[in-house]
Each structure stands twice: as structure tokens, then as C-alpha cells.
Amino acid sequence: MRWINVTPIPRTLVVNIADLFARWTSNVFKSPVHRVINRSGVPRCSIALFFGADSQVQLKPVPSCVSSEQPPKYETISVGDYVRKRIEDMYYQTVPLP
């Protein structure tokens, strides 16, 4: 992993893609680890905004992102099952589920 500085440009936004997009593109576009550190000394705003897909949608790569030379990187799973698994992995790592 390599951290990069994102230089603020007036009247612009920095958009980080998320895990679903990375899976849909079979990592053509990767989901970065996102951390915000304000070193400017000037107040700034960082807002986390999450969009989701219908939980029944199948999370599989779009055809233009896979080929025989570039096979899918992930198994097909529904968005709902994927999100549920991610939440369990994040919040229940040391606490057994009932």
C-alpha cells in the first residue's frame, strides 16, 4: 500500500470508490483505504456518503472488466450477503454470533 497526498483544488471533490465498485470491475478500479488528515491548518470538511445497491442484485464483474487473460477476481454473491458478511467481519471478529 502506498499513501498519496491529494492536493485540494478549489471548488472540486475527491471521490473514493468503494468495495462494491471494485468488485463490479474485478479490481480494474480498486477501493482505497481512506484516511483524512488535515495538515493545512485551515478548516475543511470530509463527509462519508455511502450509496448501496438493491440487496438482491448479484455482485459480479461487468463483462468489459474480465476476459480469459483477466478472469474474475471474486465469486458472485448478492449485494445483501456481501454487505452482511462485511459487517460481520468488521464488528463480530471476536464476538461469536448467536
PDB file of N, CA and C in Angstrom:
ATOM      1  N   MET A   1       0.844  -1.170   0.000  1.00  0.00           N
ATOM      2  CA  MET A   1       0.000   0.000   0.000  1.00  0.00           C
ATOM      3  C   MET A   1       0.888   1.232   0.000  1.00  0.00           C
ATOM      4  N   ARG A   2       0.442   2.254  -0.724  1.00  0.00           N
ATOM      5  CA  ARG A   2       1.196   3.488  -0.818  1.00  0.00           C
ATOM      6  C   ARG A   2       0.223   4.646  -0.607  1.00  0.00           C
ATOM      7  N   TRP A   3       0.524   5.526   0.333  1.00  0.00           N
ATOM      8  CA  TRP A   3      -0.315   6.696   0.582  1.00  0.00           C
ATOM      9  C   TRP A   3       0.046   7.787  -0.412  1.00  0.00           C
ATOM     10  N   ILE A   4      -0.956   8.494  -0.888  1.00  0.00           N
ATOM     11  CA  ILE A   4      -0.709   9.641  -1.756  1.00  0.00           C
ATOM     12  C   ILE A   4      -1.393  10.856  -1.162  1.00  0.00           C
ATOM     13  N   ASN A   5      -0.780  11.996  -1.353  1.00  0.00           N
ATOM     14  CA  ASN A   5      -1.395  13.243  -0.921  1.00  0.00           C
ATOM     15  C   ASN A   5      -2.338  13.706  -2.011  1.00  0.00           C
ATOM     16  N   VAL A   6      -3.495  14.149  -1.607  1.00  0.00           N
ATOM     17  CA  VAL A   6      -4.461  14.707  -2.544  1.00  0.00           C
ATOM     18  C   VAL A   6      -4.471  16.209  -2.299  1.00  0.00           C
ATOM     19  N   THR A   7      -3.936  16.939  -3.228  1.00  0.00           N
ATOM     20  CA  THR A   7      -3.855  18.392  -3.096  1.00  0.00           C
ATOM     21  C   THR A   7      -5.229  19.000  -3.337  1.00  0.00           C
ATOM     22  N   PRO A   8      -5.738  19.755  -2.371  1.00  0.00           N
ATOM     23  CA  PRO A   8      -7.056  20.378  -2.565  1.00  0.00           C
ATOM     24  C   PRO A   8      -7.045  21.344  -3.747  1.00  0.00           C
ATOM     25  N   ILE A   9      -8.055  21.243  -4.571  1.00  0.00           N
ATOM     26  CA  ILE A   9      -8.259  22.155  -5.694  1.00  0.00           C
ATOM     27  C   ILE A   9      -9.576  22.866  -5.429  1.00  0.00           C
ATOM     28  N   PRO A  10      -9.588  24.190  -5.433  1.00  0.00           N
ATOM     29  CA  PRO A  10     -10.825  24.920  -5.130  1.00  0.00           C
ATOM     30  C   PRO A  10     -12.008  24.452  -5.983  1.00  0.00           C
ATOM     31  N   ARG A  11     -13.160  24.353  -5.349  1.00  0.00           N
ATOM     32  CA  ARG A  11     -14.442  24.002  -5.977  1.00  0.00           C
ATOM     33  C   ARG A  11     -14.427  22.625  -6.649  1.00  0.00           C
ATOM     34  N   THR A  12     -13.688  21.673  -6.057  1.00  0.00           N
ATOM     35  CA  THR A  12     -13.670  20.307  -6.577  1.00  0.00           C
ATOM     36  C   THR A  12     -13.946  19.315  -5.448  1.00  0.00           C
ATOM     37  N   LEU A  13     -14.206  18.077  -5.825  1.00  0.00           N
ATOM     38  CA  LEU A  13     -14.419  16.993  -4.878  1.00  0.00           C
ATOM     39  C   LEU A  13     -13.423  15.877  -5.151  1.00  0.00           C
ATOM     40  N   VAL A  14     -13.037  15.189  -4.108  1.00  0.00           N
ATOM     41  CA  VAL A  14     -12.270  13.960  -4.242  1.00  0.00           C
ATOM     42  C   VAL A  14     -13.242  12.833  -3.943  1.00  0.00           C
ATOM     43  N   VAL A  15     -13.349  11.888  -4.846  1.00  0.00           N
ATOM     44  CA  VAL A  15     -14.290  10.783  -4.674  1.00  0.00           C
ATOM     45  C   VAL A  15     -13.511   9.478  -4.613  1.00  0.00           C
ATOM     46  N   ASN A  16     -13.693   8.753  -3.531  1.00  0.00           N
ATOM     47  CA  ASN A  16     -13.110   7.423  -3.399  1.00  0.00           C
ATOM     48  C   ASN A  16     -14.190   6.404  -3.728  1.00  0.00           C
ATOM     49  N   ILE A  17     -13.847   5.446  -4.578  1.00  0.00           N
ATOM     50  CA  ILE A  17     -14.816   4.392  -4.866  1.00  0.00           C
ATOM     51  C   ILE A  17     -14.828   3.413  -3.711  1.00  0.00           C
ATOM     52  N   ALA A  18     -15.834   2.587  -3.667  1.00  0.00           N
ATOM     53  CA  ALA A  18     -15.987   1.655  -2.555  1.00  0.00           C
ATOM     54  C   ALA A  18     -15.838   0.216  -3.025  1.00  0.00           C
ATOM     55  N   ASP A  19     -15.973  -0.692  -2.079  1.00  0.00           N
ATOM     56  CA  ASP A  19     -15.756  -2.108  -2.338  1.00  0.00           C
ATOM     57  C   ASP A  19     -16.675  -2.676  -3.416  1.00  0.00           C
ATOM     58  N   LEU A  20     -17.943  -2.266  -3.433  1.00  0.00           N
ATOM     59  CA  LEU A  20     -18.855  -2.815  -4.446  1.00  0.00           C
ATOM     60  C   LEU A  20     -18.366  -2.476  -5.853  1.00  0.00           C
ATOM     61  N   PHE A  21     -17.912  -1.254  -6.046  1.00  0.00           N
ATOM     62  CA  PHE A  21     -17.424  -0.835  -7.363  1.00  0.00           C
ATOM     63  C   PHE A  21     -16.166  -1.610  -7.743  1.00  0.00           C
ATOM     64  N   ALA A  22     -15.297  -1.835  -6.775  1.00  0.00           N
ATOM     65  CA  ALA A  22     -14.088  -2.618  -7.028  1.00  0.00           C
ATOM     66  C   ALA A  22     -14.459  -4.042  -7.448  1.00  0.00           C
ATOM     67  N   ARG A  23     -15.448  -4.617  -6.792  1.00  0.00           N
ATOM     68  CA  ARG A  23     -15.870  -5.978  -7.154  1.00  0.00           C
ATOM     69  C   ARG A  23     -16.551  -5.996  -8.518  1.00  0.00           C
ATOM     70  N   TRP A  24     -17.369  -4.989  -8.812  1.00  0.00           N
ATOM     71  CA  TRP A  24     -18.039  -4.943 -10.116  1.00  0.00           C
ATOM     72  C   TRP A  24     -17.032  -4.816 -11.254  1.00  0.00           C
ATOM     73  N   THR A  25     -15.894  -4.194 -10.976  1.00  0.00           N
ATOM     74  CA  THR A  25     -14.886  -4.015 -12.025  1.00  0.00           C
ATOM     75  C   THR A  25     -13.752  -5.033 -11.905  1.00  0.00           C
ATOM     76  N   SER A  26     -13.901  -6.007 -11.034  1.00  0.00           N
ATOM     77  CA  SER A  26     -12.877  -7.034 -10.814  1.00  0.00           C
ATOM     78  C   SER A  26     -11.508  -6.389 -10.572  1.00  0.00           C
ATOM     79  N   ASN A  27     -11.533  -5.343  -9.761  1.00  0.00           N
ATOM     80  CA  ASN A  27     -10.348  -4.583  -9.346  1.00  0.00           C
ATOM     81  C   ASN A  27      -9.714  -3.755 -10.457  1.00  0.00           C
ATOM     82  N   VAL A  28     -10.415  -3.532 -11.579  1.00  0.00           N
ATOM     83  CA  VAL A  28      -9.906  -2.559 -12.543  1.00  0.00           C
ATOM     84  C   VAL A  28      -9.816  -1.208 -11.834  1.00  0.00           C
ATOM     85  N   PHE A  29     -10.841  -0.901 -11.037  1.00  0.00           N
ATOM     86  CA  PHE A  29     -10.823   0.262 -10.146  1.00  0.00           C
ATOM     87  C   PHE A  29     -10.827  -0.293  -8.737  1.00  0.00           C
ATOM     88  N   LYS A  30      -9.786   0.016  -7.971  1.00  0.00           N
ATOM     89  CA  LYS A  30      -9.647  -0.536  -6.627  1.00  0.00           C
ATOM     90  C   LYS A  30     -10.203   0.399  -5.575  1.00  0.00           C
ATOM     91  N   SER A  31     -10.730  -0.206  -4.539  1.00  0.00           N
ATOM     92  CA  SER A  31     -11.244   0.529  -3.398  1.00  0.00           C
ATOM     93  C   SER A  31     -10.081   0.862  -2.468  1.00  0.00           C
ATOM     94  N   PRO A  32      -9.787   2.157  -2.266  1.00  0.00           N
ATOM     95  CA  PRO A  32      -8.639   2.502  -1.427  1.00  0.00           C
ATOM     96  C   PRO A  32      -8.991   2.518   0.059  1.00  0.00           C
ATOM     97  N   VAL A  33      -7.974   2.332   0.879  1.00  0.00           N
ATOM     98  CA  VAL A  33      -8.120   2.611   2.306  1.00  0.00           C
ATOM     99  C   VAL A  33      -8.162   4.129   2.397  1.00  0.00           C
ATOM    100  N   HIS A  34      -9.156   4.655   3.059  1.00  0.00           N
ATOM    101  CA  HIS A  34      -9.368   6.101   3.055  1.00  0.00           C
ATOM    102  C   HIS A  34      -9.139   6.670   4.453  1.00  0.00           C
ATOM    103  N   ARG A  35      -8.249   7.611   4.533  1.00  0.00           N
ATOM    104  CA  ARG A  35      -7.993   8.343   5.777  1.00  0.00           C
ATOM    105  C   ARG A  35      -7.859   9.815   5.409  1.00  0.00           C
ATOM    106  N   VAL A  36      -8.407  10.676   6.249  1.00  0.00           N
ATOM    107  CA  VAL A  36      -8.306  12.113   6.009  1.00  0.00           C
ATOM    108  C   VAL A  36      -7.504  12.726   7.141  1.00  0.00           C
ATOM    109  N   ILE A  37      -6.438  13.387   6.793  1.00  0.00           N
ATOM    110  CA  ILE A  37      -5.627  14.115   7.763  1.00  0.00           C
ATOM    111  C   ILE A  37      -5.508  15.537   7.242  1.00  0.00           C
ATOM    112  N   ASN A  38      -6.008  16.466   8.005  1.00  0.00           N
ATOM    113  CA  ASN A  38      -5.960  17.874   7.585  1.00  0.00           C
ATOM    114  C   ASN A  38      -4.680  18.500   8.125  1.00  0.00           C
ATOM    115  N   ARG A  39      -3.730  18.711   7.243  1.00  0.00           N
ATOM    116  CA  ARG A  39      -2.466  19.327   7.620  1.00  0.00           C
ATOM    117  C   ARG A  39      -2.394  20.791   7.188  1.00  0.00           C
ATOM    118  N   SER A  40      -3.482  21.312   6.652  1.00  0.00           N
ATOM    119  CA  SER A  40      -3.458  22.659   6.077  1.00  0.00           C
ATOM    120  C   SER A  40      -3.513  23.761   7.125  1.00  0.00           C
ATOM    121  N   GLY A  41      -4.049  23.445   8.305  1.00  0.00           N
ATOM    122  CA  GLY A  41      -4.242  24.485   9.304  1.00  0.00           C
ATOM    123  C   GLY A  41      -5.494  25.302   9.042  1.00  0.00           C
ATOM    124  N   VAL A  42      -6.203  24.977   7.976  1.00  0.00           N
ATOM    125  CA  VAL A  42      -7.444  25.660   7.604  1.00  0.00           C
ATOM    126  C   VAL A  42      -8.586  24.660   7.751  1.00  0.00           C
ATOM    127  N   PRO A  43      -9.716  25.072   8.337  1.00  0.00           N
ATOM    128  CA  PRO A  43     -10.833  24.131   8.479  1.00  0.00           C
ATOM    129  C   PRO A  43     -11.249  23.555   7.121  1.00  0.00           C
ATOM    130  N   ARG A  44     -11.566  22.278   7.115  1.00  0.00           N
ATOM    131  CA  ARG A  44     -12.077  21.645   5.901  1.00  0.00           C
ATOM    132  C   ARG A  44     -13.067  20.575   6.289  1.00  0.00           C
ATOM    133  N   CYS A  45     -13.844  20.164   5.348  1.00  0.00           N
ATOM    134  CA  CYS A  45     -14.917  19.218   5.627  1.00  0.00           C
ATOM    135  C   CYS A  45     -14.675  17.917   4.869  1.00  0.00           C
ATOM    136  N   SER A  46     -14.776  16.808   5.565  1.00  0.00           N
ATOM    137  CA  SER A  46     -14.718  15.496   4.931  1.00  0.00           C
ATOM    138  C   SER A  46     -16.000  14.769   5.306  1.00  0.00           C
ATOM    139  N   ILE A  47     -16.747  14.348   4.306  1.00  0.00           N
ATOM    140  CA  ILE A  47     -18.045  13.723   4.551  1.00  0.00           C
ATOM    141  C   ILE A  47     -18.046  12.321   3.964  1.00  0.00           C
ATOM    142  N   ALA A  48     -18.408  11.352   4.773  1.00  0.00           N
ATOM    143  CA  ALA A  48     -18.579   9.990   4.269  1.00  0.00           C
ATOM    144  C   ALA A  48     -20.021   9.855   3.796  1.00  0.00           C
ATOM    145  N   LEU A  49     -20.188   9.449   2.564  1.00  0.00           N
ATOM    146  CA  LEU A  49     -21.514   9.255   1.989  1.00  0.00           C
ATOM    147  C   LEU A  49     -21.516   7.904   1.317  1.00  0.00           C
ATOM    148  N   PHE A  50     -22.440   7.064   1.721  1.00  0.00           N
ATOM    149  CA  PHE A  50     -22.470   5.701   1.202  1.00  0.00           C
ATOM    150  C   PHE A  50     -23.730   5.481   0.381  1.00  0.00           C
ATOM    151  N   PHE A  51     -23.535   4.928  -0.797  1.00  0.00           N
ATOM    152  CA  PHE A  51     -24.650   4.515  -1.633  1.00  0.00           C
ATOM    153  C   PHE A  51     -24.613   3.000  -1.704  1.00  0.00           C
ATOM    154  N   GLY A  52     -25.754   2.404  -1.761  1.00  0.00           N
ATOM    155  CA  GLY A  52     -25.792   0.956  -1.867  1.00  0.00           C
ATOM    156  C   GLY A  52     -26.672   0.529  -3.018  1.00  0.00           C
ATOM    157  N   ALA A  53     -26.561  -0.710  -3.347  1.00  0.00           N
ATOM    158  CA  ALA A  53     -27.391  -1.298  -4.392  1.00  0.00           C
ATOM    159  C   ALA A  53     -28.468  -2.148  -3.732  1.00  0.00           C
ATOM    160  N   ASP A  54     -29.465  -2.508  -4.492  1.00  0.00           N
ATOM    161  CA  ASP A  54     -30.517  -3.402  -4.025  1.00  0.00           C
ATOM    162  C   ASP A  54     -29.863  -4.675  -3.486  1.00  0.00           C
ATOM    163  N   SER A  55     -30.299  -5.130  -2.340  1.00  0.00           N
ATOM    164  CA  SER A  55     -29.659  -6.280  -1.691  1.00  0.00           C
ATOM    165  C   SER A  55     -29.765  -7.561  -2.516  1.00  0.00           C
ATOM    166  N   GLN A  56     -30.719  -7.630  -3.442  1.00  0.00           N
ATOM    167  CA  GLN A  56     -30.888  -8.832  -4.262  1.00  0.00           C
ATOM    168  C   GLN A  56     -29.993  -8.847  -5.508  1.00  0.00           C
ATOM    169  N   VAL A  57     -29.378  -7.708  -5.848  1.00  0.00           N
ATOM    170  CA  VAL A  57     -28.538  -7.626  -7.043  1.00  0.00           C
ATOM    171  C   VAL A  57     -27.333  -8.547  -6.883  1.00  0.00           C
ATOM    172  N   GLN A  58     -27.013  -9.260  -7.949  1.00  0.00           N
ATOM    173  CA  GLN A  58     -25.846 -10.138  -7.935  1.00  0.00           C
ATOM    174  C   GLN A  58     -24.591  -9.315  -8.192  1.00  0.00           C
ATOM    175  N   LEU A  59     -23.625  -9.472  -7.327  1.00  0.00           N
ATOM    176  CA  LEU A  59     -22.376  -8.728  -7.395  1.00  0.00           C
ATOM    177  C   LEU A  59     -21.373  -9.552  -8.195  1.00  0.00           C
ATOM    178  N   LYS A  60     -21.351  -9.293  -9.503  1.00  0.00           N
ATOM    179  CA  LYS A  60     -20.429  -9.987 -10.397  1.00  0.00           C
ATOM    180  C   LYS A  60     -19.845  -8.962 -11.344  1.00  0.00           C
ATOM    181  N   PRO A  61     -18.662  -9.236 -11.901  1.00  0.00           N
ATOM    182  CA  PRO A  61     -17.995  -8.208 -12.703  1.00  0.00           C
ATOM    183  C   PRO A  61     -18.745  -7.891 -13.999  1.00  0.00           C
ATOM    184  N   VAL A  62     -18.673  -6.626 -14.391  1.00  0.00           N
ATOM    185  CA  VAL A  62     -19.237  -6.229 -15.678  1.00  0.00           C
ATOM    186  C   VAL A  62     -18.375  -6.879 -16.765  1.00  0.00           C
ATOM    187  N   PRO A  63     -18.983  -7.290 -17.866  1.00  0.00           N
ATOM    188  CA  PRO A  63     -18.251  -8.048 -18.897  1.00  0.00           C
ATOM    189  C   PRO A  63     -16.990  -7.365 -19.429  1.00  0.00           C
ATOM    190  N   SER A  64     -16.988  -6.059 -19.525  1.00  0.00           N
ATOM    191  CA  SER A  64     -15.809  -5.387 -20.081  1.00  0.00           C
ATOM    192  C   SER A  64     -14.606  -5.407 -19.134  1.00  0.00           C
ATOM    193  N   CYS A  65     -14.796  -5.862 -17.896  1.00  0.00           N
ATOM    194  CA  CYS A  65     -13.696  -5.878 -16.927  1.00  0.00           C
ATOM    195  C   CYS A  65     -13.088  -7.259 -16.731  1.00  0.00           C
ATOM    196  N   VAL A  66     -13.557  -8.258 -17.470  1.00  0.00           N
ATOM    197  CA  VAL A  66     -12.999  -9.600 -17.365  1.00  0.00           C
ATOM    198  C   VAL A  66     -12.754 -10.168 -18.764  1.00  0.00           C
ATOM    199  N   SER A  67     -11.836 -11.102 -18.837  1.00  0.00           N
ATOM    200  CA  SER A  67     -11.527 -11.778 -20.095  1.00  0.00           C
ATOM    201  C   SER A  67     -10.828 -13.079 -19.735  1.00  0.00           C
ATOM    202  N   SER A  68     -10.442 -13.843 -20.755  1.00  0.00           N
ATOM    203  CA  SER A  68      -9.710 -15.078 -20.473  1.00  0.00           C
ATOM    204  C   SER A  68      -8.346 -14.775 -19.855  1.00  0.00           C
ATOM    205  N   GLU A  69      -7.771 -13.621 -20.224  1.00  0.00           N
ATOM    206  CA  GLU A  69      -6.485 -13.217 -19.634  1.00  0.00           C
ATOM    207  C   GLU A  69      -6.663 -12.534 -18.279  1.00  0.00           C
ATOM    208  N   GLN A  70      -7.832 -12.010 -18.049  1.00  0.00           N
ATOM    209  CA  GLN A  70      -8.142 -11.286 -16.805  1.00  0.00           C
ATOM    210  C   GLN A  70      -9.419 -11.887 -16.205  1.00  0.00           C
ATOM    211  N   PRO A  71      -9.332 -13.081 -15.593  1.00  0.00           N
ATOM    212  CA  PRO A  71     -10.535 -13.715 -15.047  1.00  0.00           C
ATOM    213  C   PRO A  71     -11.081 -12.954 -13.838  1.00  0.00           C
ATOM    214  N   PRO A  72     -12.343 -13.203 -13.483  1.00  0.00           N
ATOM    215  CA  PRO A  72     -12.925 -12.531 -12.311  1.00  0.00           C
ATOM    216  C   PRO A  72     -12.096 -12.780 -11.056  1.00  0.00           C
ATOM    217  N   LYS A  73     -11.975 -11.744 -10.240  1.00  0.00           N
ATOM    218  CA  LYS A  73     -11.182 -11.848  -9.006  1.00  0.00           C
ATOM    219  C   LYS A  73     -12.019 -12.317  -7.812  1.00  0.00           C
ATOM    220  N   TYR A  74     -13.347 -12.248  -7.928  1.00  0.00           N
ATOM    221  CA  TYR A  74     -14.219 -12.565  -6.799  1.00  0.00           C
ATOM    222  C   TYR A  74     -15.346 -13.487  -7.237  1.00  0.00           C
ATOM    223  N   GLU A  75     -15.866 -14.242  -6.292  1.00  0.00           N
ATOM    224  CA  GLU A  75     -17.027 -15.079  -6.560  1.00  0.00           C
ATOM    225  C   GLU A  75     -18.282 -14.202  -6.631  1.00  0.00           C
ATOM    226  N   THR A  76     -19.294 -14.672  -7.335  1.00  0.00           N
ATOM    227  CA  THR A  76     -20.561 -13.946  -7.401  1.00  0.00           C
ATOM    228  C   THR A  76     -21.299 -14.136  -6.084  1.00  0.00           C
ATOM    229  N   ILE A  77     -21.827 -13.026  -5.571  1.00  0.00           N
ATOM    230  CA  ILE A  77     -22.565 -13.027  -4.304  1.00  0.00           C
ATOM    231  C   ILE A  77     -23.592 -11.914  -4.391  1.00  0.00           C
ATOM    232  N   SER A  78     -24.694 -12.037  -3.683  1.00  0.00           N
ATOM    233  CA  SER A  78     -25.670 -10.944  -3.695  1.00  0.00           C
ATOM    234  C   SER A  78     -25.113  -9.772  -2.887  1.00  0.00           C
ATOM    235  N   VAL A  79     -25.543  -8.575  -3.237  1.00  0.00           N
ATOM    236  CA  VAL A  79     -25.103  -7.381  -2.505  1.00  0.00           C
ATOM    237  C   VAL A  79     -25.461  -7.511  -1.032  1.00  0.00           C
ATOM    238  N   GLY A  80     -26.660  -7.985  -0.741  1.00  0.00           N
ATOM    239  CA  GLY A  80     -27.085  -8.138   0.658  1.00  0.00           C
ATOM    240  C   GLY A  80     -26.184  -9.077   1.432  1.00  0.00           C
ATOM    241  N   ASP A  81     -25.864 -10.232   0.844  1.00  0.00           N
ATOM    242  CA  ASP A  81     -24.981 -11.184   1.523  1.00  0.00           C
ATOM    243  C   ASP A  81     -23.577 -10.617   1.691  1.00  0.00           C
ATOM    244  N   TYR A  82     -23.101  -9.890   0.672  1.00  0.00           N
ATOM    245  CA  TYR A  82     -21.771  -9.296   0.759  1.00  0.00           C
ATOM    246  C   TYR A  82     -21.707  -8.252   1.870  1.00  0.00           C
ATOM    247  N   VAL A  83     -22.684  -7.354   1.911  1.00  0.00           N
ATOM    248  CA  VAL A  83     -22.709  -6.308   2.948  1.00  0.00           C
ATOM    249  C   VAL A  83     -22.826  -6.946   4.328  1.00  0.00           C
ATOM    250  N   ARG A  84     -23.684  -7.933   4.454  1.00  0.00           N
ATOM    251  CA  ARG A  84     -23.846  -8.630   5.740  1.00  0.00           C
ATOM    252  C   ARG A  84     -22.522  -9.251   6.179  1.00  0.00           C
ATOM    253  N   LYS A  85     -21.809  -9.894   5.240  1.00  0.00           N
ATOM    254  CA  LYS A  85     -20.517 -10.511   5.569  1.00  0.00           C
ATOM    255  C   LYS A  85     -19.496  -9.461   5.989  1.00  0.00           C
ATOM    256  N   ARG A  86     -19.454  -8.338   5.284  1.00  0.00           N
ATOM    257  CA  ARG A  86     -18.512  -7.270   5.643  1.00  0.00           C
ATOM    258  C   ARG A  86     -18.794  -6.740   7.047  1.00  0.00           C
ATOM    259  N   ILE A  87     -20.066  -6.541   7.372  1.00  0.00           N
ATOM    260  CA  ILE A  87     -20.433  -6.054   8.710  1.00  0.00           C
ATOM    261  C   ILE A  87     -20.018  -7.079   9.761  1.00  0.00           C
ATOM    262  N   GLU A  88     -20.291  -8.335   9.508  1.00  0.00           N
ATOM    263  CA  GLU A  88     -19.888  -9.380  10.454  1.00  0.00           C
ATOM    264  C   GLU A  88     -18.375  -9.407  10.619  1.00  0.00           C
ATOM    265  N   ASP A  89     -17.643  -9.295   9.513  1.00  0.00           N
ATOM    266  CA  ASP A  89     -16.179  -9.296   9.593  1.00  0.00           C
ATOM    267  C   ASP A  89     -15.652  -8.114  10.392  1.00  0.00           C
ATOM    268  N   MET A  90     -16.290  -6.952  10.241  1.00  0.00           N
ATOM    269  CA  MET A  90     -15.814  -5.751  10.936  1.00  0.00           C
ATOM    270  C   MET A  90     -16.192  -5.728  12.408  1.00  0.00           C
ATOM    271  N   TYR A  91     -17.428  -6.138  12.727  1.00  0.00           N
ATOM    272  CA  TYR A  91     -17.939  -5.924  14.076  1.00  0.00           C
ATOM    273  C   TYR A  91     -17.993  -7.164  14.945  1.00  0.00           C
ATOM    274  N   TYR A  92     -17.887  -8.333  14.354  1.00  0.00           N
ATOM    275  CA  TYR A  92     -18.044  -9.552  15.148  1.00  0.00           C
ATOM    276  C   TYR A  92     -16.822 -10.448  15.075  1.00  0.00           C
ATOM    277  N   GLN A  93     -15.657  -9.860  14.867  1.00  0.00           N
ATOM    278  CA  GLN A  93     -14.448 -10.668  14.742  1.00  0.00           C
ATOM    279  C   GLN A  93     -14.138 -11.435  16.016  1.00  0.00           C
ATOM    280  N   THR A  94     -14.383 -10.843  17.154  1.00  0.00           N
ATOM    281  CA  THR A  94     -14.039 -11.515  18.416  1.00  0.00           C
ATOM    282  C   THR A  94     -15.257 -11.925  19.213  1.00  0.00           C
ATOM    283  N   VAL A  95     -16.441 -11.539  18.760  1.00  0.00           N
ATOM    284  CA  VAL A  95     -17.658 -11.881  19.483  1.00  0.00           C
ATOM    285  C   VAL A  95     -18.430 -12.889  18.652  1.00  0.00           C
ATOM    286  N   PRO A  96     -18.657 -14.098  19.163  1.00  0.00           N
ATOM    287  CA  PRO A  96     -19.380 -15.096  18.367  1.00  0.00           C
ATOM    288  C   PRO A  96     -20.828 -14.653  18.134  1.00  0.00           C
ATOM    289  N   LEU A  97     -21.330 -14.929  16.958  1.00  0.00           N
ATOM    290  CA  LEU A  97     -22.721 -14.610  16.642  1.00  0.00           C
ATOM    291  C   LEU A  97     -23.634 -15.607  17.325  1.00  0.00           C
ATOM    292  N   PRO A  98     -24.810 -15.148  17.762  1.00  0.00           N
ATOM    293  CA  PRO A  98     -25.744 -16.095  18.441  1.00  0.00           C
ATOM    294  C   PRO A  98     -26.237 -17.166  17.497  1.00  0.00           C
TER     295      PRO A  98
END
